[in-house]
N, C-alpha and C. Protein backbone atom coordinates (compact mmCIF):
# COMPACT_ATOMS: atom_id res chain seq x y z
N MET A 1 -17.08 -12.78 18.78
CA MET A 1 -16.40 -12.25 19.95
C MET A 1 -16.28 -13.34 21.01
N GLU A 2 -15.18 -13.28 21.72
CA GLU A 2 -14.94 -14.26 22.78
C GLU A 2 -15.94 -14.09 23.92
N TYR A 3 -16.28 -12.85 24.23
CA TYR A 3 -17.24 -12.56 25.28
C TYR A 3 -17.93 -11.25 24.93
N PRO A 4 -19.18 -11.08 25.39
CA PRO A 4 -19.92 -9.86 25.05
C PRO A 4 -19.38 -8.65 25.80
N ALA A 5 -19.33 -7.55 25.14
CA ALA A 5 -18.94 -6.28 25.76
C ALA A 5 -19.62 -5.17 24.97
N ASP A 6 -19.93 -4.10 25.64
CA ASP A 6 -20.55 -2.96 24.97
C ASP A 6 -19.79 -1.71 25.35
N PRO A 7 -19.06 -1.12 24.45
CA PRO A 7 -18.87 -1.51 23.05
C PRO A 7 -17.97 -2.76 22.94
N PRO A 8 -18.01 -3.43 21.79
CA PRO A 8 -17.18 -4.63 21.61
C PRO A 8 -15.69 -4.31 21.71
N VAL A 9 -14.92 -5.28 22.22
CA VAL A 9 -13.47 -5.06 22.37
C VAL A 9 -12.64 -5.93 21.43
N TYR A 10 -13.24 -6.92 20.80
CA TYR A 10 -12.58 -7.73 19.77
C TYR A 10 -11.28 -8.39 20.28
N THR A 11 -11.44 -9.33 21.19
CA THR A 11 -10.32 -10.05 21.77
C THR A 11 -9.63 -10.90 20.71
N LEU A 12 -8.32 -10.76 20.59
CA LEU A 12 -7.56 -11.42 19.54
C LEU A 12 -7.58 -12.93 19.64
N ASN A 13 -7.29 -13.48 20.81
CA ASN A 13 -7.24 -14.94 20.91
C ASN A 13 -8.62 -15.56 20.68
N GLY A 14 -9.68 -14.86 21.04
CA GLY A 14 -11.02 -15.37 20.77
C GLY A 14 -11.28 -15.51 19.29
N TYR A 15 -10.84 -14.54 18.52
CA TYR A 15 -11.03 -14.60 17.06
C TYR A 15 -10.17 -15.70 16.46
N MET A 16 -8.98 -15.88 16.98
CA MET A 16 -8.11 -16.94 16.47
C MET A 16 -8.70 -18.32 16.74
N PHE A 17 -9.33 -18.49 17.90
CA PHE A 17 -9.99 -19.77 18.20
C PHE A 17 -11.19 -20.01 17.28
N VAL A 18 -11.87 -18.96 16.90
CA VAL A 18 -12.97 -19.10 15.93
C VAL A 18 -12.43 -19.63 14.61
N ILE A 19 -11.32 -19.09 14.15
CA ILE A 19 -10.73 -19.56 12.89
C ILE A 19 -10.34 -21.03 12.99
N ILE A 20 -9.77 -21.43 14.11
CA ILE A 20 -9.41 -22.84 14.29
C ILE A 20 -10.67 -23.71 14.27
N GLY A 21 -11.74 -23.24 14.93
CA GLY A 21 -12.99 -23.97 14.92
C GLY A 21 -13.59 -24.09 13.53
N LEU A 22 -13.51 -23.02 12.75
CA LEU A 22 -14.01 -23.09 11.37
C LEU A 22 -13.17 -24.04 10.52
N TYR A 23 -11.87 -24.06 10.75
CA TYR A 23 -11.01 -25.00 10.04
C TYR A 23 -11.43 -26.44 10.38
N ASP A 24 -11.60 -26.71 11.69
CA ASP A 24 -12.02 -28.06 12.10
C ASP A 24 -13.37 -28.42 11.51
N TRP A 25 -14.32 -27.49 11.54
CA TRP A 25 -15.65 -27.73 10.98
C TRP A 25 -15.54 -28.07 9.50
N ASN A 26 -14.73 -27.31 8.79
CA ASN A 26 -14.52 -27.56 7.36
C ASN A 26 -13.95 -28.96 7.12
N GLU A 27 -13.01 -29.38 7.95
CA GLU A 27 -12.41 -30.71 7.81
C GLU A 27 -13.42 -31.81 8.10
N VAL A 28 -14.24 -31.64 9.11
CA VAL A 28 -15.21 -32.65 9.52
C VAL A 28 -16.28 -32.88 8.45
N VAL A 29 -16.75 -31.81 7.83
CA VAL A 29 -17.82 -31.95 6.85
C VAL A 29 -17.29 -32.16 5.44
N GLY A 30 -16.00 -32.24 5.30
CA GLY A 30 -15.43 -32.52 3.98
C GLY A 30 -15.33 -31.34 3.05
N GLY A 31 -15.26 -30.15 3.58
CA GLY A 31 -15.04 -28.97 2.75
C GLY A 31 -16.23 -28.54 1.94
N SER A 32 -17.39 -28.37 2.58
CA SER A 32 -18.57 -27.89 1.86
C SER A 32 -18.38 -26.45 1.45
N ASP A 33 -19.19 -25.98 0.52
CA ASP A 33 -19.11 -24.58 0.08
C ASP A 33 -19.34 -23.62 1.23
N VAL A 34 -20.26 -23.97 2.12
CA VAL A 34 -20.58 -23.10 3.25
C VAL A 34 -19.38 -22.99 4.20
N THR A 35 -18.78 -24.12 4.56
CA THR A 35 -17.67 -24.07 5.51
C THR A 35 -16.43 -23.46 4.89
N LYS A 36 -16.17 -23.74 3.63
CA LYS A 36 -15.02 -23.12 2.96
C LYS A 36 -15.18 -21.61 2.91
N SER A 37 -16.38 -21.16 2.59
CA SER A 37 -16.65 -19.72 2.51
C SER A 37 -16.48 -19.06 3.88
N ALA A 38 -17.03 -19.67 4.92
CA ALA A 38 -16.91 -19.11 6.28
C ALA A 38 -15.44 -19.02 6.70
N LEU A 39 -14.68 -20.08 6.42
CA LEU A 39 -13.26 -20.09 6.77
C LEU A 39 -12.49 -19.03 5.98
N GLN A 40 -12.72 -18.95 4.68
CA GLN A 40 -12.00 -17.98 3.86
C GLN A 40 -12.37 -16.54 4.25
N ASP A 41 -13.65 -16.29 4.54
CA ASP A 41 -14.06 -14.96 4.97
C ASP A 41 -13.39 -14.58 6.29
N SER A 42 -13.32 -15.53 7.21
CA SER A 42 -12.68 -15.26 8.50
C SER A 42 -11.19 -14.99 8.35
N LEU A 43 -10.52 -15.77 7.51
CA LEU A 43 -9.10 -15.54 7.28
C LEU A 43 -8.85 -14.20 6.59
N SER A 44 -9.72 -13.84 5.66
CA SER A 44 -9.61 -12.55 4.99
C SER A 44 -9.75 -11.40 6.00
N SER A 45 -10.74 -11.51 6.88
CA SER A 45 -10.93 -10.48 7.92
C SER A 45 -9.73 -10.43 8.84
N PHE A 46 -9.20 -11.60 9.23
CA PHE A 46 -8.05 -11.64 10.12
C PHE A 46 -6.85 -10.91 9.50
N ARG A 47 -6.62 -11.14 8.23
CA ARG A 47 -5.51 -10.46 7.55
C ARG A 47 -5.68 -8.94 7.57
N LYS A 48 -6.91 -8.49 7.50
CA LYS A 48 -7.19 -7.04 7.50
C LYS A 48 -7.04 -6.42 8.87
N ILE A 49 -7.38 -7.16 9.93
CA ILE A 49 -7.42 -6.55 11.27
C ILE A 49 -6.18 -6.80 12.12
N ILE A 50 -5.36 -7.78 11.76
CA ILE A 50 -4.25 -8.16 12.63
C ILE A 50 -3.30 -6.99 12.93
N GLY A 51 -3.12 -6.10 11.99
CA GLY A 51 -2.24 -4.96 12.20
C GLY A 51 -2.69 -4.03 13.30
N PHE A 52 -3.99 -3.98 13.58
CA PHE A 52 -4.49 -3.12 14.64
C PHE A 52 -4.03 -3.58 16.02
N TYR A 53 -3.67 -4.84 16.16
CA TYR A 53 -3.22 -5.38 17.45
C TYR A 53 -1.73 -5.15 17.68
N ASP A 54 -1.03 -4.69 16.68
CA ASP A 54 0.41 -4.46 16.77
C ASP A 54 0.67 -3.10 17.40
N LEU A 55 1.23 -3.11 18.60
CA LEU A 55 1.52 -1.86 19.31
C LEU A 55 3.02 -1.53 19.28
N GLY A 56 3.72 -2.10 18.33
CA GLY A 56 5.15 -1.84 18.21
C GLY A 56 5.95 -2.91 18.90
N SER A 57 6.25 -2.70 20.17
CA SER A 57 7.08 -3.67 20.88
C SER A 57 6.26 -4.76 21.58
N LEU A 58 4.93 -4.68 21.49
CA LEU A 58 4.06 -5.70 22.06
C LEU A 58 2.77 -5.75 21.28
N SER A 59 1.97 -6.77 21.54
CA SER A 59 0.68 -6.86 20.87
C SER A 59 -0.43 -6.63 21.89
N SER A 60 -1.55 -6.14 21.40
CA SER A 60 -2.67 -5.86 22.26
C SER A 60 -3.52 -7.11 22.42
N TYR A 61 -4.05 -7.32 23.60
CA TYR A 61 -4.94 -8.45 23.88
C TYR A 61 -6.26 -8.28 23.13
N ASP A 62 -6.70 -7.04 23.04
CA ASP A 62 -7.95 -6.72 22.36
C ASP A 62 -7.85 -5.32 21.76
N LEU A 63 -8.97 -4.84 21.23
CA LEU A 63 -8.97 -3.51 20.62
C LEU A 63 -9.72 -2.50 21.48
N SER A 64 -9.78 -2.75 22.78
CA SER A 64 -10.48 -1.81 23.68
C SER A 64 -9.86 -0.43 23.62
N PHE A 65 -8.58 -0.35 23.33
CA PHE A 65 -7.94 0.97 23.24
C PHE A 65 -8.48 1.77 22.06
N MET A 66 -9.20 1.12 21.16
CA MET A 66 -9.82 1.81 20.03
C MET A 66 -11.32 1.97 20.22
N THR A 67 -11.95 1.09 21.00
CA THR A 67 -13.41 1.07 21.06
C THR A 67 -13.99 1.66 22.34
N LEU A 68 -13.23 1.74 23.41
CA LEU A 68 -13.77 2.27 24.67
C LEU A 68 -13.65 3.78 24.72
N PRO A 69 -14.51 4.42 25.51
CA PRO A 69 -14.57 5.89 25.53
C PRO A 69 -13.26 6.59 25.83
N TYR A 70 -12.37 6.01 26.68
CA TYR A 70 -11.14 6.71 27.00
C TYR A 70 -10.22 6.84 25.80
N LYS A 71 -10.48 6.12 24.71
CA LYS A 71 -9.69 6.25 23.49
C LYS A 71 -9.79 7.67 22.96
N LYS A 72 -10.93 8.27 23.13
CA LYS A 72 -11.13 9.62 22.61
C LYS A 72 -10.16 10.62 23.26
N SER A 73 -9.70 10.30 24.46
CA SER A 73 -8.77 11.20 25.14
C SER A 73 -7.34 11.04 24.62
N GLY A 74 -7.11 10.02 23.79
CA GLY A 74 -5.78 9.77 23.27
C GLY A 74 -4.93 8.93 24.19
N GLU A 75 -5.50 8.52 25.32
CA GLU A 75 -4.75 7.72 26.30
C GLU A 75 -4.70 6.25 25.87
N LEU A 76 -3.54 5.66 25.91
CA LEU A 76 -3.38 4.24 25.60
C LEU A 76 -3.17 3.50 26.91
N ARG A 77 -4.08 2.62 27.23
CA ARG A 77 -3.96 1.83 28.45
C ARG A 77 -3.52 0.44 28.08
N VAL A 78 -2.45 0.00 28.69
CA VAL A 78 -1.98 -1.35 28.48
C VAL A 78 -2.40 -2.17 29.68
N PRO A 79 -3.24 -3.20 29.46
CA PRO A 79 -3.73 -3.96 30.61
C PRO A 79 -2.62 -4.76 31.28
N HIS A 80 -2.77 -4.98 32.57
CA HIS A 80 -1.85 -5.85 33.28
C HIS A 80 -2.70 -6.82 34.09
N TYR A 81 -2.15 -7.95 34.35
CA TYR A 81 -2.89 -9.01 35.01
C TYR A 81 -2.30 -9.28 36.38
N SER A 82 -3.20 -9.53 37.35
CA SER A 82 -2.75 -9.87 38.70
C SER A 82 -2.48 -11.38 38.78
N PRO A 83 -1.45 -11.75 39.50
CA PRO A 83 -1.18 -13.18 39.66
C PRO A 83 -2.23 -13.87 40.47
């Protein structure tokens, strides 16, 4: 996770940076079994979860709309950022 939250919100860009870091780690150590496995496992997980971030006409920053309590009410909150 990019930052701790309870419950976890699974920030998309944080996970993508982890994959880039694992790729770099794999390249630096010359493709050890450990680094290859970590990279492949992360890519496999990414392929499975990426669809959850697709909200149709936009993508979600995180999965808080699925993990936070207001999800139970069926309300979808789209975050907005202040300049």
